[in-house]
Amino acid sequence: MLQKAHAAVGHIYTLVVVLIGWVFFECESLPVAWQFLRAMSGFAGQGFMDDEALYYWSTKGAFYAYQALARQMGLEPQNEADFRLEAVSDAFSGSLYSKSGYRLVQPDSIELDVPRAAQTYSVEFVDEQRRFRQDQAQPVC
């Protein structure tokens, strides 16, 4: 049992090191990396905990990180009221469950922030010279 717990801790440690390392690799300066890490951890002006829950690595935490990152990039983020929460799964077990064999974990739910207002957007793959629109499964060009 101790060996399985050790494996789980090792997986978590590796994940955290890779995530933090990615931030320093991806950001153009240390101050930007620090701000990004603060947003990821919930310390970017929103507070780490409140009366709702601990948001760390949750849908709400991701939304707060989006808002902090958008402000840092000089963009005006949308408000929480602009979205509705939609549950996509209530049986997500995650890496700890599937890789470590540790089965005492309760499943999590996965939720998406879906815009309330109709939005039109497209994704362009410049290198592949393809473009997709939100309602199309086939390339536009």
C-alpha atoms as a PDB file:
ATOM      1  CA  MET A   1       0.000   0.000   0.000  1.00  0.00           C
ATOM      2  CA  LEU A   2       2.855   2.373   0.813  1.00  0.00           C
ATOM      3  CA  GLN A   3       4.353   1.694  -2.601  1.00  0.00           C
ATOM      4  CA  LYS A   4       1.064   2.670  -4.324  1.00  0.00           C
ATOM      5  CA  ALA A   5       0.855   5.867  -2.266  1.00  0.00           C
ATOM      6  CA  HIS A   6       4.472   6.624  -3.167  1.00  0.00           C
ATOM      7  CA  ALA A   7       3.612   6.179  -6.869  1.00  0.00           C
ATOM      8  CA  ALA A   8       0.651   8.552  -6.550  1.00  0.00           C
ATOM      9  CA  VAL A   9       2.786  11.212  -4.854  1.00  0.00           C
ATOM     10  CA  GLY A  10       5.396  10.760  -7.586  1.00  0.00           C
ATOM     11  CA  HIS A  11       2.772  11.307 -10.310  1.00  0.00           C
ATOM     12  CA  ILE A  12       1.459  14.440  -8.613  1.00  0.00           C
ATOM     13  CA  TYR A  13       4.968  15.814  -8.046  1.00  0.00           C
ATOM     14  CA  THR A  14       5.878  15.213 -11.700  1.00  0.00           C
ATOM     15  CA  LEU A  15       2.697  16.912 -12.901  1.00  0.00           C
ATOM     16  CA  VAL A  16       3.316  19.992 -10.752  1.00  0.00           C
ATOM     17  CA  VAL A  17       6.978  20.274 -11.828  1.00  0.00           C
ATOM     18  CA  VAL A  18       6.044  19.950 -15.514  1.00  0.00           C
ATOM     19  CA  LEU A  19       3.229  22.519 -15.225  1.00  0.00           C
ATOM     20  CA  ILE A  20       5.438  25.055 -13.465  1.00  0.00           C
ATOM     21  CA  GLY A  21       8.341  24.385 -15.830  1.00  0.00           C
ATOM     22  CA  TRP A  22       6.066  24.902 -18.821  1.00  0.00           C
ATOM     23  CA  VAL A  23       5.115  28.357 -17.536  1.00  0.00           C
ATOM     24  CA  PHE A  24       8.756  29.474 -17.336  1.00  0.00           C
ATOM     25  CA  PHE A  25       9.464  27.988 -20.762  1.00  0.00           C
ATOM     26  CA  GLU A  26       6.449  29.642 -22.368  1.00  0.00           C
ATOM     27  CA  CYS A  27       6.534  33.164 -20.848  1.00  0.00           C
ATOM     28  CA  GLU A  28       8.777  35.867 -22.275  1.00  0.00           C
ATOM     29  CA  SER A  29       9.963  37.199 -18.906  1.00  0.00           C
ATOM     30  CA  LEU A  30      10.068  36.278 -15.227  1.00  0.00           C
ATOM     31  CA  PRO A  31       7.475  38.894 -14.175  1.00  0.00           C
ATOM     32  CA  VAL A  32       5.010  37.516 -16.754  1.00  0.00           C
ATOM     33  CA  ALA A  33       5.743  33.943 -15.603  1.00  0.00           C
ATOM     34  CA  TRP A  34       5.174  34.970 -11.982  1.00  0.00           C
ATOM     35  CA  GLN A  35       1.831  36.612 -12.848  1.00  0.00           C
ATOM     36  CA  PHE A  36       0.803  33.508 -14.793  1.00  0.00           C
ATOM     37  CA  LEU A  37       1.698  31.243 -11.840  1.00  0.00           C
ATOM     38  CA  ARG A  38      -0.256  33.519  -9.494  1.00  0.00           C
ATOM     39  CA  ALA A  39      -3.282  33.266 -11.813  1.00  0.00           C
ATOM     40  CA  MET A  40      -2.938  29.476 -12.023  1.00  0.00           C
ATOM     41  CA  SER A  41      -2.846  29.121  -8.250  1.00  0.00           C
ATOM     42  CA  GLY A  42      -5.660  31.560  -7.489  1.00  0.00           C
ATOM     43  CA  PHE A  43      -3.517  34.326  -5.980  1.00  0.00           C
ATOM     44  CA  ALA A  44      -4.117  36.900  -8.732  1.00  0.00           C
ATOM     45  CA  GLY A  45      -6.556  39.186  -6.991  1.00  0.00           C
ATOM     46  CA  GLN A  46      -9.406  36.717  -6.505  1.00  0.00           C
ATOM     47  CA  GLY A  47      -8.264  35.096  -3.292  1.00  0.00           C
ATOM     48  CA  PHE A  48      -7.451  31.441  -2.943  1.00  0.00           C
ATOM     49  CA  MET A  49     -10.551  30.444  -0.991  1.00  0.00           C
ATOM     50  CA  ASP A  50     -13.929  31.938  -0.298  1.00  0.00           C
ATOM     51  CA  ASP A  51     -17.297  30.789   0.975  1.00  0.00           C
ATOM     52  CA  GLU A  52     -18.004  28.738  -2.182  1.00  0.00           C
ATOM     53  CA  ALA A  53     -15.016  26.370  -2.268  1.00  0.00           C
ATOM     54  CA  LEU A  54     -11.349  25.961  -2.885  1.00  0.00           C
ATOM     55  CA  TYR A  55     -11.080  26.680  -6.634  1.00  0.00           C
ATOM     56  CA  TYR A  56      -7.630  25.269  -7.159  1.00  0.00           C
ATOM     57  CA  TRP A  57      -7.659  23.382 -10.495  1.00  0.00           C
ATOM     58  CA  SER A  58     -11.433  23.656 -10.879  1.00  0.00           C
ATOM     59  CA  THR A  59     -13.681  25.194 -13.530  1.00  0.00           C
ATOM     60  CA  LYS A  60     -14.044  28.326 -11.395  1.00  0.00           C
ATOM     61  CA  GLY A  61     -10.280  28.457 -10.858  1.00  0.00           C
ATOM     62  CA  ALA A  62      -9.726  28.174 -14.603  1.00  0.00           C
ATOM     63  CA  PHE A  63     -12.198  31.030 -15.146  1.00  0.00           C
ATOM     64  CA  TYR A  64     -10.381  33.241 -12.632  1.00  0.00           C
ATOM     65  CA  ALA A  65      -7.067  32.375 -14.296  1.00  0.00           C
ATOM     66  CA  TYR A  66      -8.572  33.347 -17.674  1.00  0.00           C
ATOM     67  CA  GLN A  67      -9.704  36.701 -16.261  1.00  0.00           C
ATOM     68  CA  ALA A  68      -6.293  37.436 -14.727  1.00  0.00           C
ATOM     69  CA  LEU A  69      -4.443  36.406 -17.883  1.00  0.00           C
ATOM     70  CA  ALA A  70      -6.745  38.483 -20.107  1.00  0.00           C
ATOM     71  CA  ARG A  71      -6.141  41.565 -17.945  1.00  0.00           C
ATOM     72  CA  GLN A  72      -2.389  40.930 -17.993  1.00  0.00           C
ATOM     73  CA  MET A  73      -2.546  40.761 -21.807  1.00  0.00           C
ATOM     74  CA  GLY A  74      -4.466  44.053 -21.962  1.00  0.00           C
ATOM     75  CA  LEU A  75      -7.788  42.416 -22.903  1.00  0.00           C
ATOM     76  CA  GLU A  76     -11.155  42.962 -21.240  1.00  0.00           C
ATOM     77  CA  PRO A  77     -12.313  39.572 -19.905  1.00  0.00           C
ATOM     78  CA  GLN A  78     -15.953  38.582 -19.917  1.00  0.00           C
ATOM     79  CA  ASN A  79     -17.850  38.364 -16.637  1.00  0.00           C
ATOM     80  CA  GLU A  80     -19.019  35.193 -14.962  1.00  0.00           C
ATOM     81  CA  ALA A  81     -22.641  36.235 -15.652  1.00  0.00           C
ATOM     82  CA  ASP A  82     -21.913  36.024 -19.408  1.00  0.00           C
ATOM     83  CA  PHE A  83     -21.682  32.223 -19.112  1.00  0.00           C
ATOM     84  CA  ARG A  84     -23.809  29.347 -17.932  1.00  0.00           C
ATOM     85  CA  LEU A  85     -22.250  26.300 -16.322  1.00  0.00           C
ATOM     86  CA  GLU A  86     -22.923  23.054 -18.190  1.00  0.00           C
ATOM     87  CA  ALA A  87     -22.030  19.688 -16.661  1.00  0.00           C
ATOM     88  CA  VAL A  88     -20.424  17.301 -19.145  1.00  0.00           C
ATOM     89  CA  SER A  89     -19.595  14.471 -16.756  1.00  0.00           C
ATOM     90  CA  ASP A  90     -20.158  13.576 -13.142  1.00  0.00           C
ATOM     91  CA  ALA A  91     -17.954  10.477 -13.206  1.00  0.00           C
ATOM     92  CA  PHE A  92     -14.445  11.765 -13.982  1.00  0.00           C
ATOM     93  CA  SER A  93     -11.856   9.806 -12.029  1.00  0.00           C
ATOM     94  CA  GLY A  94      -8.666  11.329 -13.408  1.00  0.00           C
ATOM     95  CA  SER A  95      -5.039  10.286 -13.475  1.00  0.00           C
ATOM     96  CA  LEU A  96      -4.662   9.398  -9.808  1.00  0.00           C
ATOM     97  CA  TYR A  97      -7.423   6.813 -10.138  1.00  0.00           C
ATOM     98  CA  SER A  98      -6.421   5.383 -13.511  1.00  0.00           C
ATOM     99  CA  LYS A  99      -2.626   5.323 -13.159  1.00  0.00           C
ATOM    100  CA  SER A 100      -1.907   4.654  -9.495  1.00  0.00           C
ATOM    101  CA  GLY A 101      -4.463   2.054  -8.583  1.00  0.00           C
ATOM    102  CA  TYR A 102      -5.628   4.263  -5.689  1.00  0.00           C
ATOM    103  CA  ARG A 103      -9.377   3.635  -5.732  1.00  0.00           C
ATOM    104  CA  LEU A 104     -10.600   5.588  -2.684  1.00  0.00           C
ATOM    105  CA  VAL A 105     -11.157   8.778  -4.685  1.00  0.00           C
ATOM    106  CA  GLN A 106     -14.689  10.043  -5.329  1.00  0.00           C
ATOM    107  CA  PRO A 107     -15.335  10.943  -8.998  1.00  0.00           C
ATOM    108  CA  ASP A 108     -15.269  14.623  -9.945  1.00  0.00           C
ATOM    109  CA  SER A 109     -17.621  16.472 -12.233  1.00  0.00           C
ATOM    110  CA  ILE A 110     -16.448  18.276 -15.334  1.00  0.00           C
ATOM    111  CA  GLU A 111     -18.209  21.524 -16.192  1.00  0.00           C
ATOM    112  CA  LEU A 112     -17.881  23.964 -19.055  1.00  0.00           C
ATOM    113  CA  ASP A 113     -18.488  27.706 -19.107  1.00  0.00           C
ATOM    114  CA  VAL A 114     -20.792  28.067 -22.123  1.00  0.00           C
ATOM    115  CA  PRO A 115     -21.428  31.618 -23.417  1.00  0.00           C
ATOM    116  CA  ARG A 116     -25.028  32.745 -22.879  1.00  0.00           C
ATOM    117  CA  ALA A 117     -25.030  34.910 -26.003  1.00  0.00           C
ATOM    118  CA  ALA A 118     -24.699  33.320 -29.422  1.00  0.00           C
ATOM    119  CA  GLN A 119     -21.127  33.592 -30.619  1.00  0.00           C
ATOM    120  CA  THR A 120     -19.599  33.129 -34.021  1.00  0.00           C
ATOM    121  CA  TYR A 121     -15.979  32.230 -34.205  1.00  0.00           C
ATOM    122  CA  SER A 122     -13.530  30.493 -36.472  1.00  0.00           C
ATOM    123  CA  VAL A 123     -10.236  28.732 -35.930  1.00  0.00           C
ATOM    124  CA  GLU A 124      -7.499  29.163 -38.496  1.00  0.00           C
ATOM    125  CA  PHE A 125      -4.615  26.715 -38.858  1.00  0.00           C
ATOM    126  CA  VAL A 126      -2.110  28.908 -40.676  1.00  0.00           C
ATOM    127  CA  ASP A 127       0.514  26.231 -41.291  1.00  0.00           C
ATOM    128  CA  GLU A 128      -2.084  23.832 -42.669  1.00  0.00           C
ATOM    129  CA  GLN A 129      -3.991  26.560 -44.560  1.00  0.00           C
ATOM    130  CA  ARG A 130      -7.315  25.422 -43.077  1.00  0.00           C
ATOM    131  CA  ARG A 131     -10.079  27.301 -41.323  1.00  0.00           C
ATOM    132  CA  PHE A 132     -13.044  26.009 -39.318  1.00  0.00           C
ATOM    133  CA  ARG A 133     -16.188  27.744 -38.132  1.00  0.00           C
ATOM    134  CA  GLN A 134     -17.999  26.821 -34.932  1.00  0.00           C
ATOM    135  CA  ASP A 135     -20.913  25.097 -36.728  1.00  0.00           C
ATOM    136  CA  GLN A 136     -18.915  23.288 -39.419  1.00  0.00           C
ATOM    137  CA  ALA A 137     -17.124  19.966 -39.354  1.00  0.00           C
ATOM    138  CA  GLN A 138     -15.557  20.494 -42.779  1.00  0.00           C
ATOM    139  CA  PRO A 139     -12.818  23.008 -43.682  1.00  0.00           C
ATOM    140  CA  VAL A 140     -14.014  26.354 -45.036  1.00  0.00           C
ATOM    141  CA  CYS A 141     -11.086  26.607 -47.428  1.00  0.00           C
END
